[in-house]
Amino acid sequence: MNSAHRLEPVSAGHGRGTVLAAWERFVRGEDQVPGVRAEVAISWHRCREQYRVDPHLSAAPVAVAEINHTLEHDVVLAELGFRAASIAHEVSNLSGIVTIADATGRILAEWGDQATLNRATASNLAPWFCWSESATGTNGMGTALEAHGPVLIRGAEHWCQAFHNWVCAGVAVRDVVSREPIAVLNISCWRNQLPASSGSWLANAVAKTQCLLRRRARDSGAELVSAYSQARAHSGTALAAVDTSGKVVIADETASVLIGVPASTPAVDPTHRWNPGLPEFIAAARYASKQASRNPDWVGSTQIFTHLADEPTSISLRPVFVSGNLIGNLVSFGSSDGEQLPRADGIASPRTQPRRLVAMRDNRMVLLQLSEVSFAESEGNDVWLSTDQERLRAASPGLDKLETELSDAGFLRVHRRYVVNLSRIREIERGLKGELFLVMDDRAATMVPVSRRNAPAVRRALDI
């Protein structure tokens, strides 16, 4: 397991004075939280600014949202239940409980000694209550659903004061295609250390469960290629097959040019599928997947801008099922079959536009106005922000996530490694071979390259 995500056995009182003092100041409205781990400070910021959770909440609320679990997700929950039961005895001996929650943070089941279960019930740490961050603040389950890796929340690191006597460790199981959470596994101990094996046990439980999902996803990728081949034999239109998240599994020569992916190259493994880099295309595919999950006979169409066209192109989306399980969509270009999708700005899931970006300077959280950020650059799993202050590491990993959050705020993906603030572009320079470079208005007049596949979108955005 990555050392950055290793869980060390610590007590609820570890650093309690420093963290509690920081919590008290942050609750009063201060932003500086020295002595608080970065992931905890970021979670507190979400709880206070975005979710507005009452830090004096004494118990978790009743779960309201229910999600329709697919058969695949039910298998995951059953697998986690088996693994949770296997460690229940060890956890019970340390005044602890093991819980499983779904993607909404709703607890589905728990194991542990009866005295601790009774104490947990007093705070609604029990089935059918919601422990998402938006409902109950920083905690093992809810924060794990927001993070990409194991999470340790101890004592006063919990957002709600009523839970400061608990130490929690959680980790989410995520869909290997969409990266959306399916479930979360959590260990909570009352005024006691976590079992020494907590970190390795959680990582192992999730790894084995994810292995099942990867195998299923590879099989689904092969089925999508088969469905594409059959449709290709009976159709003369440009065609592509995409998974439920909008990633491309295979596209013919014409479709590959339009969406900017390699031609006739199957990408069966979910980790190798092609990202078309077209937000409208991805949003349409995800919308189609949601509609098809409710109505298997659904077929839809819309118009999108492709990489090489100044005018929108019509596409039709037809779902592909295997044994009643939705695995993706076939996308036909130049076709308008089926129900018209809502306008592009209504296809994507509703989200709150961020007022500020959160970055990190050492162990201090920096809150940035969007106008302060010139561009974002990815380096491995990290994203670095070029700001008016200095170069800072973004709190959230992944340039794809940042692109999605800022796509409606004047930011544009111009290269696989860069997202730029359009209002901060000073000049445009053309290279010897016709390639474009954006000269930013920072002190260094940084030149950001524009990839060939993103050049049409840049020209449209800048009206050049």
Protein backbone atom coordinates (compact mmCIF):
# COMPACT_ATOMS: atom_id res chain seq x y z
CA MET A 1 0.00 0.00 0.00
CA ASN A 2 1.21 3.50 -0.80
CA SER A 3 2.98 4.94 2.26
CA ALA A 4 0.94 8.14 1.92
CA HIS A 5 -2.15 6.08 2.66
CA ARG A 6 -0.74 3.80 5.37
CA LEU A 7 -2.84 3.67 8.52
CA GLU A 8 -0.87 3.64 11.74
CA PRO A 9 -2.48 2.37 14.97
CA VAL A 10 -3.01 5.50 17.07
CA SER A 11 -5.23 6.42 19.97
CA ALA A 12 -8.03 8.94 20.03
CA GLY A 13 -5.91 11.18 22.21
CA HIS A 14 -2.99 11.41 19.75
CA GLY A 15 -2.23 15.14 19.35
CA ARG A 16 -5.64 15.89 20.84
CA GLY A 17 -4.73 19.24 22.38
CA THR A 18 -3.26 20.72 19.19
CA VAL A 19 -5.98 19.38 16.92
CA LEU A 20 -8.80 20.32 19.28
CA ALA A 21 -7.49 23.89 19.53
CA ALA A 22 -7.27 24.09 15.73
CA TRP A 23 -10.79 22.65 15.43
CA GLU A 24 -12.15 25.27 17.83
CA ARG A 25 -10.53 28.09 15.82
CA PHE A 26 -11.69 26.69 12.49
CA VAL A 27 -15.27 26.30 13.73
CA ARG A 28 -15.17 29.97 14.74
CA GLY A 29 -14.23 30.93 11.17
CA GLU A 30 -10.43 30.98 11.06
CA ASP A 31 -8.72 29.33 8.08
CA GLN A 32 -5.25 28.52 9.44
CA VAL A 33 -5.03 25.08 11.05
CA PRO A 34 -1.39 24.39 12.03
CA GLY A 35 -0.80 20.88 13.30
CA VAL A 36 -3.73 19.42 11.37
CA ARG A 37 -3.12 16.91 8.59
CA ALA A 38 -3.83 18.21 5.08
CA GLU A 39 -6.56 15.70 4.26
CA VAL A 40 -8.36 16.56 7.49
CA ALA A 41 -8.08 20.33 6.92
CA ILE A 42 -9.52 19.91 3.42
CA SER A 43 -12.39 17.83 4.80
CA TRP A 44 -13.12 20.48 7.45
CA HIS A 45 -13.22 23.09 4.71
CA ARG A 46 -15.81 21.06 2.79
CA CYS A 47 -17.89 20.58 5.94
CA ARG A 48 -17.87 24.27 6.83
CA GLU A 49 -18.00 25.98 3.41
CA GLN A 50 -19.73 23.50 1.11
CA TYR A 51 -21.89 21.20 3.24
CA ARG A 52 -22.47 23.57 6.18
CA VAL A 53 -22.63 20.71 8.69
CA ASP A 54 -23.34 21.79 12.27
CA PRO A 55 -20.15 20.93 14.23
CA HIS A 56 -22.31 20.46 17.32
CA LEU A 57 -24.50 17.81 15.72
CA SER A 58 -24.91 15.05 18.32
CA ALA A 59 -26.03 12.15 16.11
CA ALA A 60 -26.06 11.18 12.46
CA PRO A 61 -29.31 11.84 10.56
CA VAL A 62 -31.58 9.16 9.15
CA ALA A 63 -30.51 8.19 5.61
CA VAL A 64 -32.91 9.65 3.08
CA ALA A 65 -31.28 8.90 -0.26
CA GLU A 66 -31.50 5.36 -1.56
CA ILE A 67 -29.67 4.09 -4.60
CA ASN A 68 -30.63 1.19 -6.81
CA HIS A 69 -27.88 -1.35 -6.40
CA THR A 70 -26.97 -3.34 -9.48
CA LEU A 71 -26.35 -7.06 -9.16
CA GLU A 72 -22.63 -6.35 -9.46
CA HIS A 73 -22.79 -3.92 -6.55
CA ASP A 74 -24.74 -6.42 -4.47
CA VAL A 75 -21.91 -8.90 -5.03
CA VAL A 76 -19.44 -6.27 -3.77
CA LEU A 77 -21.50 -5.64 -0.63
CA ALA A 78 -21.75 -9.37 0.06
CA GLU A 79 -17.97 -9.76 -0.39
CA LEU A 80 -17.31 -6.90 2.02
CA GLY A 81 -19.73 -8.41 4.53
CA PHE A 82 -17.78 -11.66 4.48
CA ARG A 83 -14.51 -9.80 5.07
CA ALA A 84 -15.97 -7.60 7.80
CA ALA A 85 -17.21 -10.64 9.71
CA SER A 86 -13.71 -12.15 9.56
CA ILE A 87 -12.16 -9.32 11.60
CA ALA A 88 -15.12 -8.61 13.88
CA HIS A 89 -13.74 -10.66 16.79
CA GLU A 90 -10.36 -8.86 16.80
CA VAL A 91 -12.08 -5.47 16.64
CA SER A 92 -14.55 -6.40 19.38
CA ASN A 93 -11.70 -7.06 21.80
CA LEU A 94 -10.63 -3.41 21.41
CA SER A 95 -14.07 -1.84 21.95
CA GLY A 96 -14.51 -1.49 18.24
CA ILE A 97 -17.04 -2.10 15.49
CA VAL A 98 -16.85 -2.80 11.77
CA THR A 99 -19.36 -1.16 9.43
CA ILE A 100 -20.29 -1.32 5.77
CA ALA A 101 -22.00 1.64 4.09
CA ASP A 102 -23.20 2.20 0.53
CA ALA A 103 -22.17 4.98 -1.83
CA THR A 104 -24.45 7.49 -0.10
CA GLY A 105 -22.86 6.84 3.31
CA ARG A 106 -25.88 4.87 4.55
CA ILE A 107 -24.77 2.15 6.96
CA LEU A 108 -26.04 -1.26 5.85
CA ALA A 109 -24.53 -3.56 8.46
CA GLU A 110 -22.22 -3.57 11.49
CA TRP A 111 -20.35 -6.05 13.70
CA GLY A 112 -18.74 -5.67 17.13
CA ASP A 113 -19.10 -6.24 20.86
CA GLN A 114 -22.52 -5.41 22.26
CA ALA A 115 -21.34 -2.66 24.63
CA THR A 116 -19.67 -0.72 21.82
CA LEU A 117 -22.62 -1.30 19.51
CA ASN A 118 -24.90 0.20 22.17
CA ARG A 119 -22.58 3.21 22.57
CA ALA A 120 -22.43 3.64 18.78
CA THR A 121 -26.22 3.51 18.52
CA ALA A 122 -26.42 6.53 20.81
CA SER A 123 -24.77 8.54 18.02
CA ASN A 124 -26.72 6.71 15.28
CA LEU A 125 -23.56 4.89 14.22
CA ALA A 126 -25.88 2.10 13.15
CA PRO A 127 -27.72 0.72 10.09
CA TRP A 128 -30.00 3.07 8.11
CA PHE A 129 -28.28 6.24 9.32
CA CYS A 130 -26.20 8.43 7.03
CA TRP A 131 -22.48 9.05 7.56
CA SER A 132 -21.59 10.91 4.39
CA GLU A 133 -19.51 14.05 4.90
CA SER A 134 -22.41 16.19 3.73
CA ALA A 135 -24.62 14.73 6.47
CA THR A 136 -22.28 14.07 9.40
CA GLY A 137 -19.02 15.87 8.64
CA THR A 138 -15.50 14.48 8.71
CA ASN A 139 -15.52 10.78 9.65
CA GLY A 140 -14.00 7.51 8.48
CA MET A 141 -16.81 6.45 6.16
CA GLY A 142 -17.85 9.81 4.75
CA THR A 143 -14.33 11.09 4.16
CA ALA A 144 -13.28 7.80 2.55
CA LEU A 145 -16.10 8.29 0.01
CA GLU A 146 -14.52 11.66 -0.87
CA ALA A 147 -10.93 10.37 -1.00
CA HIS A 148 -9.01 7.99 -3.25
CA GLY A 149 -7.41 5.76 -0.66
CA PRO A 150 -7.67 4.70 2.99
CA VAL A 151 -8.62 7.42 5.48
CA LEU A 152 -7.80 7.69 9.17
CA ILE A 153 -9.84 10.10 11.32
CA ARG A 154 -8.92 10.23 14.98
CA GLY A 155 -10.44 12.03 17.93
CA ALA A 156 -10.82 15.77 17.42
CA GLU A 157 -10.22 15.40 13.69
CA HIS A 158 -13.92 14.51 13.44
CA TRP A 159 -15.91 17.57 12.39
CA CYS A 160 -18.68 16.98 14.92
CA GLN A 161 -17.63 17.38 18.53
CA ALA A 162 -19.87 14.53 19.67
CA PHE A 163 -17.63 12.04 17.82
CA HIS A 164 -14.28 13.19 19.24
CA ASN A 165 -13.95 10.05 21.36
CA TRP A 166 -13.82 7.79 18.30
CA VAL A 167 -10.96 6.68 16.07
CA CYS A 168 -12.10 5.58 12.59
CA ALA A 169 -10.40 4.07 9.57
CA GLY A 170 -12.30 3.70 6.30
CA VAL A 171 -11.69 2.87 2.66
CA ALA A 172 -14.04 2.99 -0.30
CA VAL A 173 -14.47 0.39 -3.01
CA ARG A 174 -14.78 2.19 -6.35
CA ASP A 175 -16.15 1.13 -9.69
CA VAL A 176 -13.10 0.47 -11.86
CA VAL A 177 -14.78 2.08 -14.89
CA SER A 178 -16.49 5.20 -13.54
CA ARG A 179 -14.31 5.56 -10.39
CA GLU A 180 -17.51 6.31 -8.49
CA PRO A 181 -17.76 4.75 -5.01
CA ILE A 182 -19.81 1.58 -4.57
CA ALA A 183 -19.39 0.98 -0.86
CA VAL A 184 -17.15 1.80 2.09
CA LEU A 185 -15.64 -0.43 4.75
CA ASN A 186 -14.85 1.12 8.14
CA ILE A 187 -13.42 0.25 11.56
CA SER A 188 -14.32 2.47 14.55
CA CYS A 189 -12.93 2.19 18.09
CA TRP A 190 -14.16 4.00 21.19
CA ARG A 191 -11.33 5.68 23.15
CA ASN A 192 -8.92 2.99 22.05
CA GLN A 193 -6.29 2.20 19.49
CA LEU A 194 -7.22 0.67 16.19
CA PRO A 195 -6.02 -2.90 15.70
CA ALA A 196 -2.43 -2.92 14.46
CA SER A 197 -3.59 -4.82 11.38
CA SER A 198 -6.23 -2.22 10.39
CA GLY A 199 -4.32 -0.61 7.54
CA SER A 200 -3.18 -3.80 5.84
CA TRP A 201 -6.54 -5.49 6.42
CA LEU A 202 -8.54 -2.64 4.86
CA ALA A 203 -6.17 -2.40 1.89
CA ASN A 204 -6.28 -6.17 1.34
CA ALA A 205 -10.08 -6.35 1.61
CA VAL A 206 -10.52 -3.63 -0.98
CA ALA A 207 -7.81 -4.98 -3.28
CA LYS A 208 -9.48 -8.40 -3.44
CA THR A 209 -12.89 -6.84 -4.05
CA GLN A 210 -11.51 -4.54 -6.76
CA CYS A 211 -9.94 -7.58 -8.41
CA LEU A 212 -13.42 -9.01 -8.96
CA LEU A 213 -14.55 -5.72 -10.47
CA ARG A 214 -11.56 -5.49 -12.81
CA ARG A 215 -12.18 -8.98 -14.12
CA ARG A 216 -15.83 -8.12 -14.75
CA ALA A 217 -14.84 -4.86 -16.44
CA ARG A 218 -12.41 -6.60 -18.80
CA ASP A 219 -15.13 -9.07 -19.74
CA SER A 220 -17.52 -6.16 -20.34
CA GLY A 221 -14.92 -4.46 -22.53
CA ALA A 222 -14.63 -7.57 -24.68
CA GLU A 223 -18.44 -7.73 -24.96
CA LEU A 224 -18.53 -4.09 -26.06
CA VAL A 225 -15.99 -4.81 -28.80
CA SER A 226 -18.14 -7.75 -29.93
CA ALA A 227 -21.29 -5.58 -30.01
CA TYR A 228 -19.37 -2.91 -31.95
CA SER A 229 -18.18 -5.46 -34.52
CA GLN A 230 -21.70 -6.77 -35.08
CA ALA A 231 -23.13 -3.26 -35.46
CA ARG A 232 -20.25 -2.23 -37.74
CA ALA A 233 -21.09 -5.06 -40.13
CA HIS A 234 -24.61 -3.72 -40.62
CA SER A 235 -24.01 0.04 -40.57
CA GLY A 236 -22.22 2.52 -42.80
CA THR A 237 -22.09 5.34 -40.25
CA ALA A 238 -19.07 6.23 -38.16
CA LEU A 239 -19.24 4.19 -34.97
CA ALA A 240 -17.66 4.00 -31.53
CA ALA A 241 -18.27 1.91 -28.41
CA VAL A 242 -18.00 3.62 -25.02
CA ASP A 243 -18.32 2.36 -21.48
CA THR A 244 -20.80 3.75 -18.94
CA SER A 245 -18.41 6.56 -17.94
CA GLY A 246 -17.87 7.79 -21.51
CA LYS A 247 -14.43 6.25 -22.05
CA VAL A 248 -13.88 4.86 -25.55
CA VAL A 249 -13.32 1.11 -25.91
CA ILE A 250 -13.06 1.09 -29.71
CA ALA A 251 -13.80 3.46 -32.60
CA ASP A 252 -13.60 3.13 -36.38
CA GLU A 253 -11.35 5.36 -38.50
CA THR A 254 -13.88 8.15 -39.02
CA ALA A 255 -15.13 8.22 -35.44
CA SER A 256 -11.57 8.13 -34.10
CA VAL A 257 -10.72 11.33 -35.96
CA LEU A 258 -13.84 13.08 -34.68
CA ILE A 259 -13.25 12.22 -31.02
CA GLY A 260 -9.46 12.14 -31.04
CA VAL A 261 -8.63 8.53 -30.13
CA PRO A 262 -6.64 5.81 -31.93
CA ALA A 263 -8.53 4.05 -34.74
CA SER A 264 -9.66 0.41 -34.53
CA THR A 265 -7.59 -0.20 -31.40
CA PRO A 266 -9.55 -2.12 -28.73
CA ALA A 267 -9.03 -0.94 -25.16
CA VAL A 268 -10.66 -3.76 -23.21
CA ASP A 269 -8.88 -3.18 -19.90
CA PRO A 270 -10.60 -0.34 -17.97
CA THR A 271 -7.24 1.25 -17.08
CA HIS A 272 -6.30 1.60 -20.76
CA ARG A 273 -9.49 2.99 -22.27
CA TRP A 274 -9.36 6.20 -24.28
CA ASN A 275 -10.47 9.55 -22.87
CA PRO A 276 -11.93 11.54 -25.78
CA GLY A 277 -11.41 14.88 -24.03
CA LEU A 278 -14.82 16.13 -25.20
CA PRO A 279 -16.95 17.12 -22.19
CA GLU A 280 -20.18 17.14 -24.21
CA PHE A 281 -19.50 13.65 -25.55
CA ILE A 282 -18.67 12.26 -22.12
CA ALA A 283 -21.70 13.95 -20.53
CA ALA A 284 -23.99 12.53 -23.24
CA ALA A 285 -22.63 9.00 -22.70
CA ARG A 286 -23.13 9.24 -18.93
CA TYR A 287 -26.63 10.63 -19.36
CA ALA A 288 -27.44 7.78 -21.76
CA SER A 289 -26.19 5.25 -19.21
CA LYS A 290 -28.46 6.69 -16.51
CA GLN A 291 -31.47 6.63 -18.82
CA ALA A 292 -30.78 3.10 -20.05
CA SER A 293 -30.41 1.81 -16.47
CA ARG A 294 -34.03 2.89 -15.91
CA ASN A 295 -35.33 1.87 -19.35
CA PRO A 296 -33.39 -0.81 -21.27
CA ASP A 297 -35.17 0.13 -24.52
CA TRP A 298 -34.06 3.76 -24.36
CA VAL A 299 -32.25 5.25 -27.39
CA GLY A 300 -31.21 8.91 -27.56
CA SER A 301 -29.54 11.49 -29.73
CA THR A 302 -27.93 14.90 -29.42
CA GLN A 303 -25.39 17.17 -31.09
CA ILE A 304 -21.79 17.72 -29.96
CA PHE A 305 -18.74 19.62 -31.14
CA THR A 306 -15.99 17.26 -32.28
CA HIS A 307 -12.28 17.98 -32.54
CA LEU A 308 -12.15 18.88 -36.24
CA ALA A 309 -15.46 20.63 -36.87
CA ASP A 310 -16.71 24.16 -36.42
CA GLU A 311 -20.32 22.94 -36.51
CA PRO A 312 -21.93 20.42 -34.15
CA THR A 313 -22.26 16.79 -35.23
CA SER A 314 -25.32 14.64 -34.56
CA ILE A 315 -24.82 11.43 -32.59
CA SER A 316 -27.13 8.62 -31.51
CA LEU A 317 -26.53 6.51 -28.42
CA ARG A 318 -27.80 2.96 -28.08
CA PRO A 319 -27.23 1.01 -24.83
CA VAL A 320 -25.53 -2.39 -24.75
CA PHE A 321 -26.61 -4.98 -22.18
CA VAL A 322 -25.11 -8.35 -21.27
CA SER A 323 -27.24 -10.66 -19.10
CA GLY A 324 -29.36 -7.69 -18.12
CA ASN A 325 -26.32 -5.65 -17.03
CA LEU A 326 -25.63 -2.33 -18.77
CA ILE A 327 -22.00 -2.25 -19.98
CA GLY A 328 -21.92 0.81 -22.25
CA ASN A 329 -23.26 2.43 -25.42
CA LEU A 330 -22.76 2.30 -29.16
CA VAL A 331 -22.40 5.83 -30.55
CA SER A 332 -23.31 6.46 -34.20
CA PHE A 333 -22.13 9.73 -35.79
CA GLY A 334 -24.34 11.60 -38.23
CA SER A 335 -27.42 9.90 -36.83
CA SER A 336 -30.41 11.35 -34.92
CA ASP A 337 -32.33 8.28 -33.75
CA GLY A 338 -34.28 8.20 -30.51
CA GLU A 339 -35.17 10.71 -27.83
CA GLN A 340 -33.45 14.10 -27.91
CA LEU A 341 -31.13 14.61 -24.95
CA PRO A 342 -31.43 17.82 -22.92
CA ARG A 343 -29.17 20.71 -23.85
CA ALA A 344 -25.49 20.14 -23.13
CA ASP A 345 -25.57 22.29 -20.02
CA GLY A 346 -28.30 20.12 -18.55
CA ILE A 347 -26.82 16.72 -19.31
CA ALA A 348 -24.11 16.65 -16.70
CA SER A 349 -24.98 15.93 -13.10
CA PRO A 350 -25.79 19.10 -11.18
CA ARG A 351 -22.83 20.38 -9.19
CA THR A 352 -22.01 23.39 -7.14
CA GLN A 353 -19.53 25.66 -8.89
CA PRO A 354 -16.52 26.11 -6.63
CA ARG A 355 -16.05 29.66 -5.36
CA ARG A 356 -12.45 28.92 -4.46
CA LEU A 357 -9.80 26.32 -5.15
CA VAL A 358 -8.04 24.64 -2.24
CA ALA A 359 -4.27 24.22 -2.46
CA MET A 360 -1.62 23.14 0.04
CA ARG A 361 1.53 24.91 1.25
CA ASP A 362 3.37 22.51 3.55
CA ASN A 363 0.64 21.57 6.08
CA ARG A 364 -1.30 24.78 5.54
CA MET A 365 -4.45 25.06 3.45
CA VAL A 366 -4.50 27.93 0.92
CA LEU A 367 -7.86 29.17 -0.36
CA LEU A 368 -7.56 30.63 -3.86
CA GLN A 369 -9.96 32.74 -5.85
CA LEU A 370 -10.41 31.26 -9.34
CA SER A 371 -9.04 34.46 -10.85
CA GLU A 372 -5.74 33.92 -8.99
CA VAL A 373 -5.05 30.69 -10.91
CA SER A 374 -3.37 31.02 -14.30
CA PHE A 375 -3.22 27.33 -15.20
CA ALA A 376 -3.07 23.83 -13.75
CA GLU A 377 -0.46 21.23 -14.69
CA SER A 378 -0.47 17.52 -13.91
CA GLU A 379 2.63 15.68 -12.72
CA GLY A 380 1.80 12.04 -12.13
CA ASN A 381 -1.09 11.91 -9.65
CA ASP A 382 -0.46 15.47 -8.44
CA VAL A 383 -1.88 18.68 -9.89
CA TRP A 384 0.13 21.90 -9.54
CA LEU A 385 -1.49 25.31 -9.76
CA SER A 386 0.35 28.30 -11.20
CA THR A 387 -0.99 31.13 -9.06
CA ASP A 388 -0.32 34.81 -8.37
CA GLN A 389 1.29 33.73 -5.10
CA GLU A 390 3.48 30.83 -6.18
CA ARG A 391 3.28 27.31 -7.58
CA LEU A 392 1.03 25.33 -5.23
CA ARG A 393 -0.12 21.72 -5.11
CA ALA A 394 -3.88 21.33 -5.56
CA ALA A 395 -5.63 19.62 -2.68
CA SER A 396 -7.58 17.28 -4.96
CA PRO A 397 -5.63 14.83 -7.14
CA GLY A 398 -6.34 14.32 -10.83
CA LEU A 399 -6.51 16.85 -13.67
CA ASP A 400 -9.68 15.20 -15.05
CA LYS A 401 -11.57 16.03 -11.85
CA LEU A 402 -10.31 19.62 -11.87
CA GLU A 403 -11.29 20.00 -15.52
CA THR A 404 -14.83 18.85 -14.74
CA GLU A 405 -15.17 21.19 -11.77
CA LEU A 406 -13.92 24.24 -13.67
CA SER A 407 -15.26 23.65 -17.19
CA ASP A 408 -18.09 26.14 -16.62
CA ALA A 409 -15.90 28.71 -14.87
CA GLY A 410 -13.78 29.88 -17.81
CA PHE A 411 -11.17 27.10 -17.67
CA LEU A 412 -10.35 24.84 -20.63
CA ARG A 413 -8.37 21.64 -21.15
CA VAL A 414 -5.79 22.47 -23.82
CA HIS A 415 -3.44 19.52 -23.44
CA ARG A 416 -3.43 16.20 -21.61
CA ARG A 417 -1.29 17.89 -18.94
CA TYR A 418 -2.76 21.40 -18.85
CA VAL A 419 -5.99 23.20 -17.97
CA VAL A 420 -5.82 26.98 -18.44
CA ASN A 421 -7.77 29.99 -17.23
CA LEU A 422 -8.92 31.55 -20.51
CA SER A 423 -9.01 35.02 -18.99
CA ARG A 424 -5.28 34.77 -18.15
CA ILE A 425 -4.08 34.21 -21.73
CA ARG A 426 -2.00 37.18 -22.94
CA GLU A 427 -0.79 36.03 -26.38
CA ILE A 428 -1.06 33.12 -28.80
CA GLU A 429 2.06 31.96 -30.58
CA ARG A 430 2.20 29.66 -33.59
CA GLY A 431 5.11 27.24 -33.92
CA LEU A 432 7.05 26.36 -37.06
CA LYS A 433 4.80 23.37 -37.75
CA GLY A 434 1.55 25.21 -37.01
CA GLU A 435 1.28 24.12 -33.38
CA LEU A 436 -0.20 26.60 -30.90
CA PHE A 437 1.28 27.91 -27.66
CA LEU A 438 -0.61 30.03 -25.13
CA VAL A 439 1.43 32.77 -23.47
CA MET A 440 0.02 33.31 -20.00
CA ASP A 441 -0.03 36.64 -18.16
CA ASP A 442 2.12 35.48 -15.25
CA ARG A 443 5.49 37.08 -14.48
CA ALA A 444 7.39 34.43 -16.41
CA ALA A 445 5.07 34.69 -19.45
CA THR A 446 4.79 30.91 -19.33
CA MET A 447 4.08 29.20 -22.65
CA VAL A 448 1.51 26.42 -22.41
CA PRO A 449 1.36 24.00 -25.37
CA VAL A 450 -1.93 23.23 -27.10
CA SER A 451 -2.29 19.66 -28.36
CA ARG A 452 -3.53 19.13 -31.89
CA ARG A 453 -6.68 17.39 -30.71
CA ASN A 454 -7.56 20.34 -28.44
CA ALA A 455 -6.71 23.10 -30.92
CA PRO A 456 -10.26 23.40 -32.42
CA ALA A 457 -11.78 23.83 -28.95
CA VAL A 458 -9.18 26.50 -28.12
CA ARG A 459 -9.91 28.38 -31.35
CA ARG A 460 -13.64 28.30 -30.64
CA ALA A 461 -13.16 29.46 -27.06
CA LEU A 462 -10.89 32.34 -28.10
CA ASP A 463 -12.83 33.09 -31.30
CA ILE A 464 -9.74 32.88 -33.53
